[in-house]
Protein backbone atom coordinates (compact mmCIF):
# COMPACT_ATOMS: atom_id res chain seq x y z
CA MET A 1 51.71 -86.76 -72.02
CA ALA A 2 54.25 -86.38 -74.80
CA GLY A 3 56.03 -83.67 -72.85
CA GLU A 4 56.72 -86.14 -70.04
CA GLU A 5 58.40 -88.69 -72.31
CA ALA A 6 61.55 -90.22 -70.82
CA VAL A 7 64.50 -90.44 -73.20
CA SER A 8 67.95 -92.00 -73.02
CA ASN A 9 70.51 -89.50 -71.72
CA LYS A 10 74.23 -90.11 -72.12
CA GLN A 11 76.60 -88.22 -69.80
CA VAL A 12 80.28 -87.74 -68.99
CA THR A 13 80.85 -88.02 -65.25
CA LEU A 14 83.88 -87.64 -62.99
CA ASN A 15 85.01 -90.84 -61.25
CA ASN A 16 87.29 -89.27 -58.68
CA TYR A 17 88.92 -85.95 -57.87
CA VAL A 18 92.15 -85.28 -59.71
CA THR A 19 95.66 -84.37 -58.60
CA GLY A 20 98.30 -83.59 -61.20
CA PHE A 21 97.42 -84.01 -64.86
CA PRO A 22 93.93 -85.37 -65.54
CA LYS A 23 93.58 -88.74 -67.30
CA GLU A 24 90.84 -90.18 -69.44
CA SER A 25 90.30 -92.83 -66.75
CA ASP A 26 89.25 -90.06 -64.33
CA MET A 27 86.02 -89.84 -66.35
CA LYS A 28 83.44 -92.28 -67.66
CA ILE A 29 80.48 -92.33 -70.02
CA THR A 30 77.19 -93.30 -68.41
CA THR A 31 73.71 -93.74 -69.86
CA GLY A 32 70.56 -92.97 -67.95
CA SER A 33 67.22 -91.38 -68.74
CA ILE A 34 65.64 -87.99 -68.30
CA LYS A 35 62.06 -86.78 -68.60
CA LEU A 36 61.45 -84.09 -71.18
CA LYS A 37 59.73 -81.90 -68.65
CA VAL A 38 60.81 -79.33 -66.08
CA PRO A 39 60.02 -80.80 -62.62
CA GLU A 40 56.85 -79.60 -60.91
CA GLY A 41 57.39 -76.62 -58.64
CA SER A 42 60.69 -75.64 -60.29
CA LYS A 43 61.33 -71.93 -60.62
CA ASP A 44 63.55 -70.31 -63.26
CA THR A 45 64.56 -73.71 -64.61
CA VAL A 46 65.40 -74.60 -68.21
CA LEU A 47 65.71 -78.07 -69.77
CA LEU A 48 68.32 -78.09 -72.54
CA LYS A 49 69.22 -80.43 -75.36
CA ASN A 50 72.99 -80.27 -75.75
CA LEU A 51 74.34 -79.92 -79.28
CA TYR A 52 77.90 -78.88 -78.41
CA LEU A 53 80.08 -79.17 -75.33
CA SER A 54 82.58 -76.38 -74.76
CA TYR A 55 85.82 -77.46 -73.09
CA ASP A 56 87.98 -74.81 -71.44
CA PRO A 57 91.07 -74.82 -69.17
CA TYR A 58 89.18 -73.44 -66.15
CA MET A 59 87.41 -76.82 -65.91
CA ARG A 60 90.62 -78.36 -64.53
CA GLY A 61 90.06 -76.58 -61.21
CA ARG A 62 86.59 -78.08 -60.91
CA MET A 63 88.07 -81.57 -61.25
CA SER A 64 89.89 -81.14 -57.92
CA LYS A 65 88.31 -81.20 -54.49
CA LEU A 66 88.23 -77.52 -53.58
CA ASP A 67 87.68 -76.66 -49.93
CA LYS A 68 87.73 -72.94 -50.76
CA PRO A 69 86.67 -72.51 -54.40
CA LEU A 70 87.99 -69.33 -56.04
CA PHE A 71 85.06 -68.76 -58.39
CA VAL A 72 83.42 -72.09 -59.29
CA ALA A 73 82.69 -75.14 -57.14
CA SER A 74 84.14 -78.61 -57.69
CA PHE A 75 82.25 -80.99 -59.93
CA LYS A 76 80.16 -83.46 -57.97
CA LEU A 77 81.38 -87.00 -58.50
CA GLY A 78 79.12 -88.99 -60.81
CA GLU A 79 76.87 -86.04 -61.64
CA GLU A 80 76.32 -83.81 -64.65
CA TYR A 81 73.24 -81.76 -65.45
CA SER A 82 71.31 -80.52 -68.46
CA LEU A 83 68.63 -79.09 -66.19
CA ILE A 84 69.77 -75.48 -65.77
CA GLN A 85 68.63 -73.79 -62.58
CA SER A 86 70.57 -70.52 -63.00
CA PRO A 87 69.18 -69.22 -66.31
CA GLN A 88 70.62 -65.76 -65.70
CA LEU A 89 73.92 -67.23 -66.90
CA LEU A 90 72.41 -68.23 -70.24
CA ILE A 91 72.71 -66.08 -73.37
CA LYS A 92 69.70 -65.97 -75.67
CA ILE A 93 70.61 -66.47 -79.33
CA LEU A 94 69.15 -63.65 -81.38
CA ASP A 95 71.12 -63.96 -84.64
CA THR A 96 70.92 -67.37 -86.34
CA ASN A 97 72.70 -66.24 -89.51
CA VAL A 98 75.95 -67.66 -88.14
CA PRO A 99 76.63 -71.29 -87.14
CA LEU A 100 75.33 -72.13 -83.66
CA SER A 101 78.82 -73.31 -82.65
CA TYR A 102 79.92 -69.65 -82.80
CA TYR A 103 78.01 -69.15 -79.55
CA THR A 104 80.39 -71.53 -77.78
CA ARG A 105 83.43 -69.59 -78.95
CA ILE A 106 83.63 -66.17 -80.64
CA LEU A 107 80.08 -65.16 -79.61
CA GLY A 108 80.18 -67.01 -76.30
CA MET A 109 82.40 -67.14 -73.23
CA PRO A 110 85.78 -67.04 -75.05
CA GLY A 111 84.74 -64.01 -77.10
CA LEU A 112 83.33 -62.12 -74.13
CA THR A 113 86.42 -63.02 -72.07
CA ALA A 114 88.74 -61.65 -74.76
CA TYR A 115 86.63 -58.51 -75.18
CA GLY A 116 86.30 -57.75 -71.47
CA GLY A 117 89.91 -58.40 -70.55
CA LEU A 118 91.35 -56.42 -73.45
CA TYR A 119 88.93 -53.57 -74.06
CA GLU A 120 87.33 -52.99 -70.68
CA LEU A 121 90.35 -53.61 -68.43
CA CYS A 122 93.27 -52.58 -70.64
CA SER A 123 91.78 -49.90 -72.96
CA PRO A 124 94.17 -50.52 -75.89
CA LYS A 125 95.23 -47.59 -78.05
CA LYS A 126 96.49 -47.50 -81.60
CA GLY A 127 100.21 -48.17 -81.79
CA GLU A 128 100.51 -49.88 -78.40
CA TYR A 129 102.45 -53.12 -77.96
CA VAL A 130 100.33 -56.11 -76.94
CA TYR A 131 101.58 -59.55 -75.91
CA VAL A 132 99.29 -62.61 -75.65
CA SER A 133 100.44 -65.90 -74.13
CA ALA A 134 98.71 -69.19 -75.06
CA ALA A 135 97.73 -67.14 -78.08
CA SER A 136 96.38 -69.94 -80.26
CA GLY A 137 93.77 -70.95 -77.69
CA ALA A 138 90.10 -70.06 -77.81
CA VAL A 139 90.57 -66.75 -75.98
CA GLY A 140 94.10 -65.83 -77.05
CA GLN A 141 93.40 -65.98 -80.78
CA LEU A 142 90.55 -63.49 -80.31
CA VAL A 143 92.51 -61.13 -78.06
CA GLY A 144 95.13 -60.74 -80.77
CA GLN A 145 92.56 -60.05 -83.46
CA PHE A 146 90.62 -57.60 -81.27
CA ALA A 147 93.88 -55.73 -80.59
CA LYS A 148 94.62 -55.55 -84.33
CA LEU A 149 91.18 -53.99 -84.91
CA VAL A 150 92.37 -51.09 -82.74
CA GLY A 151 95.69 -50.80 -84.56
CA CYS A 152 98.01 -52.34 -81.95
CA TYR A 153 101.25 -54.21 -82.60
CA VAL A 154 100.48 -57.78 -81.47
CA PHE A 155 102.89 -60.58 -80.59
CA GLY A 156 101.86 -64.03 -79.38
CA SER A 157 103.42 -67.21 -78.06
CA ALA A 158 102.32 -70.82 -78.48
CA GLY A 159 103.75 -74.31 -78.02
CA SER A 160 104.38 -75.60 -81.57
CA LYS A 161 105.46 -74.46 -85.03
CA GLU A 162 101.97 -75.25 -86.34
CA LYS A 163 100.38 -72.93 -83.79
CA VAL A 164 102.93 -70.16 -84.37
CA ASP A 165 102.25 -70.32 -88.12
CA LEU A 166 98.52 -70.14 -87.37
CA LEU A 167 99.00 -66.96 -85.32
CA LYS A 168 100.93 -65.21 -88.07
CA ASN A 169 99.15 -66.52 -91.15
CA ARG A 170 95.51 -66.93 -90.05
CA PHE A 171 94.97 -64.68 -87.06
CA GLY A 172 96.97 -61.69 -88.26
CA PHE A 173 99.44 -61.42 -85.37
CA ASP A 174 102.44 -59.28 -86.29
CA ASP A 175 104.76 -62.00 -85.04
CA ALA A 176 104.89 -65.00 -82.71
CA PHE A 177 107.33 -67.45 -81.13
CA ASN A 178 107.37 -71.01 -79.81
CA TYR A 179 108.02 -70.69 -76.08
CA LYS A 180 109.28 -74.29 -75.93
CA GLU A 181 112.25 -73.28 -78.10
CA GLU A 182 113.20 -70.35 -75.86
CA PRO A 183 115.47 -71.32 -72.93
CA ASP A 184 115.42 -67.71 -71.68
CA LEU A 185 111.91 -66.16 -71.78
CA ASP A 186 113.18 -62.78 -70.60
CA ALA A 187 115.61 -62.61 -73.52
CA ALA A 188 112.92 -63.78 -75.94
CA LEU A 189 110.50 -61.06 -74.86
CA ASN A 190 113.25 -58.42 -74.92
CA ARG A 191 113.99 -59.45 -78.49
CA CYS A 192 110.32 -59.26 -79.48
CA PHE A 193 109.57 -56.06 -77.55
CA PRO A 194 112.79 -53.97 -77.43
CA GLU A 195 110.69 -50.95 -76.35
CA GLY A 196 108.65 -52.95 -73.83
CA ILE A 197 105.08 -54.27 -73.51
CA ASP A 198 102.11 -51.97 -72.97
CA ILE A 199 99.47 -54.69 -72.51
CA TYR A 200 99.91 -58.32 -71.49
CA PHE A 201 96.97 -60.70 -71.71
CA GLU A 202 97.90 -63.38 -69.18
CA ASN A 203 96.90 -66.98 -69.85
CA VAL A 204 99.95 -68.88 -68.59
CA GLY A 205 101.43 -67.64 -65.29
CA GLY A 206 104.60 -68.99 -63.66
CA LYS A 207 107.90 -68.36 -65.44
CA MET A 208 106.12 -66.58 -68.29
CA LEU A 209 104.59 -63.99 -65.96
CA ASP A 210 107.94 -63.47 -64.26
CA ALA A 211 109.60 -62.76 -67.60
CA VAL A 212 106.80 -60.46 -68.75
CA LEU A 213 107.05 -58.31 -65.62
CA LEU A 214 110.68 -57.55 -66.50
CA ASN A 215 109.60 -56.36 -69.94
CA MET A 216 106.55 -54.26 -69.15
CA ARG A 217 106.55 -50.53 -69.90
CA ILE A 218 105.74 -47.87 -67.34
CA ARG A 219 101.98 -47.80 -66.65
CA GLY A 220 101.52 -51.06 -68.51
CA ARG A 221 98.37 -53.11 -68.00
CA ILE A 222 98.06 -56.84 -67.34
CA ALA A 223 94.69 -58.62 -67.69
CA VAL A 224 94.92 -61.90 -65.77
CA CYS A 225 92.61 -64.36 -67.53
CA GLY A 226 94.19 -67.64 -66.43
CA MET A 227 97.41 -69.45 -65.55
CA ILE A 228 97.32 -72.78 -67.36
CA SER A 229 100.92 -73.64 -66.45
CA GLN A 230 99.85 -73.89 -62.81
CA TYR A 231 96.62 -75.88 -63.00
CA ASN A 232 98.18 -79.34 -62.76
CA LEU A 233 100.86 -78.54 -60.16
CA GLU A 234 100.36 -79.76 -56.61
CA LYS A 235 102.45 -76.80 -55.42
CA PRO A 236 102.08 -73.70 -57.64
CA GLU A 237 105.23 -71.82 -58.67
CA GLY A 238 105.97 -68.49 -57.07
CA VAL A 239 106.33 -65.18 -58.94
CA HIS A 240 109.60 -63.41 -58.13
CA ASN A 241 109.46 -60.13 -60.05
CA LEU A 242 106.37 -58.52 -58.54
CA MET A 243 108.38 -55.48 -57.40
CA GLN A 244 108.28 -54.46 -61.08
CA VAL A 245 104.60 -53.63 -60.51
CA VAL A 246 105.63 -50.91 -58.07
CA GLY A 247 108.47 -49.30 -59.97
CA LYS A 248 106.70 -49.35 -63.32
CA ARG A 249 103.25 -48.50 -61.87
CA ILE A 250 101.79 -51.55 -63.61
CA ARG A 251 98.07 -52.23 -63.21
CA MET A 252 97.40 -55.96 -62.91
CA GLU A 253 93.83 -57.21 -62.58
CA GLY A 254 92.12 -60.57 -62.63
CA PHE A 255 88.64 -61.02 -64.06
CA LEU A 256 85.94 -63.50 -65.05
CA ALA A 257 83.81 -63.57 -68.18
CA GLY A 258 80.74 -63.14 -65.98
CA ASP A 259 81.96 -59.67 -65.02
CA PHE A 260 80.97 -58.53 -68.50
CA TYR A 261 77.69 -60.33 -69.13
CA HIS A 262 75.84 -57.05 -68.79
CA GLN A 263 77.90 -55.70 -71.70
CA TYR A 264 76.97 -58.50 -74.10
CA PRO A 265 74.89 -56.21 -76.39
CA LYS A 266 77.84 -53.80 -76.64
CA PHE A 267 80.14 -56.73 -77.35
CA LEU A 268 77.85 -57.92 -80.19
CA GLU A 269 77.87 -54.44 -81.74
CA LEU A 270 81.64 -54.74 -82.13
CA VAL A 271 81.99 -58.39 -83.03
CA MET A 272 79.03 -59.28 -85.25
CA PRO A 273 79.84 -56.77 -88.04
CA ALA A 274 83.51 -57.81 -87.94
CA ILE A 275 82.51 -61.47 -88.36
CA LYS A 276 80.24 -60.72 -91.30
CA GLU A 277 82.90 -58.54 -92.94
CA GLY A 278 85.47 -61.34 -92.60
CA LYS A 279 87.71 -59.34 -90.24
CA LEU A 280 87.72 -62.01 -87.54
CA VAL A 281 88.85 -65.63 -87.87
CA ASN A 282 87.99 -68.30 -85.31
CA VAL A 283 89.45 -71.80 -85.39
CA GLU A 284 87.78 -74.68 -83.60
CA ASP A 285 89.07 -78.16 -82.79
CA ILE A 286 86.12 -80.54 -83.05
CA ALA A 287 85.75 -83.99 -81.50
CA GLU A 288 82.76 -85.96 -82.81
CA GLY A 289 80.59 -87.77 -80.29
CA LEU A 290 80.32 -87.75 -76.51
CA GLU A 291 82.64 -90.78 -76.33
CA LYS A 292 85.50 -88.47 -77.37
CA ALA A 293 84.82 -86.02 -74.54
CA PRO A 294 87.36 -87.38 -71.99
CA SER A 295 90.26 -87.39 -74.47
CA ALA A 296 89.29 -83.93 -75.74
CA LEU A 297 89.39 -82.47 -72.23
CA VAL A 298 92.69 -84.13 -71.34
CA GLY A 299 94.18 -82.87 -74.63
CA ILE A 300 93.73 -79.24 -73.61
CA PHE A 301 96.38 -79.65 -70.90
CA THR A 302 98.92 -81.33 -73.17
CA GLY A 303 98.58 -78.82 -76.00
CA GLN A 304 96.81 -81.20 -78.38
CA ASN A 305 94.02 -78.82 -79.35
CA VAL A 306 94.38 -76.04 -81.91
CA GLY A 307 91.84 -73.32 -81.21
CA LYS A 308 88.57 -73.74 -79.36
CA GLN A 309 87.94 -77.33 -78.18
CA LEU A 310 84.40 -78.50 -78.91
CA VAL A 311 82.67 -81.84 -78.65
CA VAL A 312 79.73 -82.35 -81.01
CA VAL A 313 76.99 -84.20 -79.16
CA ALA A 314 74.26 -83.80 -81.79
CA ARG A 315 74.17 -81.97 -85.09
CA GLU A 316 72.01 -78.89 -85.56
């Protein structure tokens, strides 16, 4: 039967579990075959043809051997799947009037992450002061723009002049700074926010979080999305200024994109009109071909990507 045709299937697999910074040699490209049919007896299973691969910082954790996974299990060595057996995590595409790649970024996990962390956890109000670290990344760039839609003052940080310029000139941030040029992060944030920070969208952790805590306003809110500065450390850095949470009555909460899947229709009601009206900008960093996948993933942790990192496997 035509539906049972076996086709060549190229994959990126993990050679060994990683400690420290990942390397391209930790991964390899393999070629096998797959039948274009869901196996007999399978329930709630979907066979997908991959057009784009979405690379995100959280994947670093899955490259280590995790005895007690926080929220996702380790990758299995030598394995990668296109046969999806948890379809409840899939999002059905209803609007095809935008490029399909949008569903890997602004209309996908990064967009929903930015929306949930900012709007649902932090409830921004017009005139409030918002700070976003790793602000040129796939999530950070959207957080800043979502905050501007509400009328907030938005400041971001990134790791190069190019990215800082992008924040101010493309994404509409009120201002931004290069954290690599700031020997004293506390002083830098005090300069940027002399009246303090109402909302901090946390993507970095470590010394940045310590400095932010000193500059939060009373009853400030911190949405903890990630801590990329810690992912490649064998011994994570401690946070020393947590007592600020008590004195300033700061609310600090971690979250996952999946916490907000049930609000996807509400999210689309906000975002889709803004996209079509040109109020939201989304920058992607595209690598062509599966062979570029290992270098694209490694580049996320050395600051090589600008915006959302995608790998094009096949064109639409």
